[in-house]
């Protein structure tokens, strides 16, 4: 599909050993530590942990440079967020 980089998150207390063993790289901590919102003030599920998460990335195409986008800067089409 042409993706250069994919990402996923783990809880801050999880070591991420299986991700590291399968080629994922630690990329920092998430910025938000609260509930997610969707379409304004409608809250999403409340049965999930709300603390900061560890972000892991895996580069799929080594020839293409990784563009460090935030969700606000990413193009609206063709970008999937995990």
C-alpha atoms as a PDB file:
ATOM      1  CA  UNK A   1       0.000   0.000   0.000  1.00  0.00           C
ATOM      2  CA  UNK A   2       3.041   2.261  -0.005  1.00  0.00           C
ATOM      3  CA  UNK A   3       3.347   2.908   3.719  1.00  0.00           C
ATOM      4  CA  UNK A   4       6.831   3.903   4.865  1.00  0.00           C
ATOM      5  CA  UNK A   5       6.250   3.726   8.602  1.00  0.00           C
ATOM      6  CA  UNK A   6       3.713   2.138  10.935  1.00  0.00           C
ATOM      7  CA  UNK A   7       3.266   2.757  14.660  1.00  0.00           C
ATOM      8  CA  UNK A   8       1.655   1.229  17.705  1.00  0.00           C
ATOM      9  CA  UNK A   9       1.487   1.976  21.418  1.00  0.00           C
ATOM     10  CA  UNK A  10       2.030   0.039  24.657  1.00  0.00           C
ATOM     11  CA  UNK A  11       1.350   0.982  28.252  1.00  0.00           C
ATOM     12  CA  UNK A  12       4.222   2.844  29.912  1.00  0.00           C
ATOM     13  CA  UNK A  13       4.870  -0.013  32.343  1.00  0.00           C
ATOM     14  CA  UNK A  14       5.182  -2.635  29.559  1.00  0.00           C
ATOM     15  CA  UNK A  15       8.756  -3.348  28.435  1.00  0.00           C
ATOM     16  CA  UNK A  16       7.954  -3.889  24.727  1.00  0.00           C
ATOM     17  CA  UNK A  17      10.299  -6.891  24.490  1.00  0.00           C
ATOM     18  CA  UNK A  18       8.295  -8.642  21.761  1.00  0.00           C
ATOM     19  CA  UNK A  19       8.092  -5.462  19.681  1.00  0.00           C
ATOM     20  CA  UNK A  20      11.829  -4.846  19.979  1.00  0.00           C
ATOM     21  CA  UNK A  21      12.557  -8.495  19.107  1.00  0.00           C
ATOM     22  CA  UNK A  22      10.487  -8.188  15.927  1.00  0.00           C
ATOM     23  CA  UNK A  23      12.234  -5.055  14.688  1.00  0.00           C
ATOM     24  CA  UNK A  24      10.165  -2.233  16.180  1.00  0.00           C
ATOM     25  CA  UNK A  25      11.964   0.804  17.624  1.00  0.00           C
ATOM     26  CA  UNK A  26      10.969   2.879  20.654  1.00  0.00           C
ATOM     27  CA  UNK A  27      10.043   6.365  19.410  1.00  0.00           C
ATOM     28  CA  UNK A  28       9.132   8.228  22.593  1.00  0.00           C
ATOM     29  CA  UNK A  29       6.158   8.758  24.865  1.00  0.00           C
ATOM     30  CA  UNK A  30       2.723   9.885  23.769  1.00  0.00           C
ATOM     31  CA  UNK A  31       1.797  13.459  24.560  1.00  0.00           C
ATOM     32  CA  UNK A  32      -1.780  12.938  25.720  1.00  0.00           C
ATOM     33  CA  UNK A  33      -2.582  11.244  28.991  1.00  0.00           C
ATOM     34  CA  UNK A  34      -6.344  11.754  29.125  1.00  0.00           C
ATOM     35  CA  UNK A  35      -9.460  10.415  27.489  1.00  0.00           C
ATOM     36  CA  UNK A  36      -9.695  10.527  23.723  1.00  0.00           C
ATOM     37  CA  UNK A  37     -12.497  12.538  22.247  1.00  0.00           C
ATOM     38  CA  UNK A  38     -14.303  11.923  19.019  1.00  0.00           C
ATOM     39  CA  UNK A  39     -16.314  14.512  17.131  1.00  0.00           C
ATOM     40  CA  UNK A  40     -16.227  17.244  19.699  1.00  0.00           C
ATOM     41  CA  UNK A  41     -17.051  16.344  23.271  1.00  0.00           C
ATOM     42  CA  UNK A  42     -18.335  12.791  22.716  1.00  0.00           C
ATOM     43  CA  UNK A  43     -16.019  10.582  24.810  1.00  0.00           C
ATOM     44  CA  UNK A  44     -14.804   7.240  23.575  1.00  0.00           C
ATOM     45  CA  UNK A  45     -14.575   4.078  25.666  1.00  0.00           C
ATOM     46  CA  UNK A  46     -13.703   4.636  29.313  1.00  0.00           C
ATOM     47  CA  UNK A  47     -12.559   1.086  30.077  1.00  0.00           C
ATOM     48  CA  UNK A  48      -9.066   1.635  28.651  1.00  0.00           C
ATOM     49  CA  UNK A  49      -5.986   2.934  30.519  1.00  0.00           C
ATOM     50  CA  UNK A  50      -5.627   6.703  30.079  1.00  0.00           C
ATOM     51  CA  UNK A  51      -1.985   7.249  31.055  1.00  0.00           C
ATOM     52  CA  UNK A  52       0.835   8.138  28.671  1.00  0.00           C
ATOM     53  CA  UNK A  53       1.828   5.367  26.275  1.00  0.00           C
ATOM     54  CA  UNK A  54       5.106   4.270  24.697  1.00  0.00           C
ATOM     55  CA  UNK A  55       5.121   4.808  20.924  1.00  0.00           C
ATOM     56  CA  UNK A  56       6.843   2.158  18.799  1.00  0.00           C
ATOM     57  CA  UNK A  57       7.569   2.515  15.078  1.00  0.00           C
ATOM     58  CA  UNK A  58       8.574   0.128  12.337  1.00  0.00           C
ATOM     59  CA  UNK A  59      10.048   1.373   9.108  1.00  0.00           C
ATOM     60  CA  UNK A  60       8.748  -0.621   6.143  1.00  0.00           C
ATOM     61  CA  UNK A  61      10.672   0.879   3.226  1.00  0.00           C
ATOM     62  CA  UNK A  62      14.312   1.584   4.085  1.00  0.00           C
ATOM     63  CA  UNK A  63      14.885   3.565   0.858  1.00  0.00           C
ATOM     64  CA  UNK A  64      12.248   6.201   1.689  1.00  0.00           C
ATOM     65  CA  UNK A  65      12.909   8.853   4.328  1.00  0.00           C
ATOM     66  CA  UNK A  66      10.651   8.915   7.387  1.00  0.00           C
ATOM     67  CA  UNK A  67       8.631  12.116   7.556  1.00  0.00           C
ATOM     68  CA  UNK A  68       7.961  13.062  11.181  1.00  0.00           C
ATOM     69  CA  UNK A  69       4.323  14.185  11.019  1.00  0.00           C
ATOM     70  CA  UNK A  70       2.039  14.952  13.864  1.00  0.00           C
ATOM     71  CA  UNK A  71      -1.590  13.961  13.392  1.00  0.00           C
ATOM     72  CA  UNK A  72      -2.523  17.595  12.704  1.00  0.00           C
ATOM     73  CA  UNK A  73       0.107  17.981   9.964  1.00  0.00           C
ATOM     74  CA  UNK A  74      -0.589  14.727   8.128  1.00  0.00           C
ATOM     75  CA  UNK A  75      -2.475  14.743   4.850  1.00  0.00           C
ATOM     76  CA  UNK A  76      -6.149  13.930   5.259  1.00  0.00           C
ATOM     77  CA  UNK A  77      -6.159  11.073   2.737  1.00  0.00           C
ATOM     78  CA  UNK A  78      -4.053   7.944   2.798  1.00  0.00           C
ATOM     79  CA  UNK A  79      -2.811   8.166   6.390  1.00  0.00           C
ATOM     80  CA  UNK A  80      -3.810   5.611   8.982  1.00  0.00           C
ATOM     81  CA  UNK A  81      -3.236   6.209  12.690  1.00  0.00           C
ATOM     82  CA  UNK A  82      -2.928   3.246  15.035  1.00  0.00           C
END
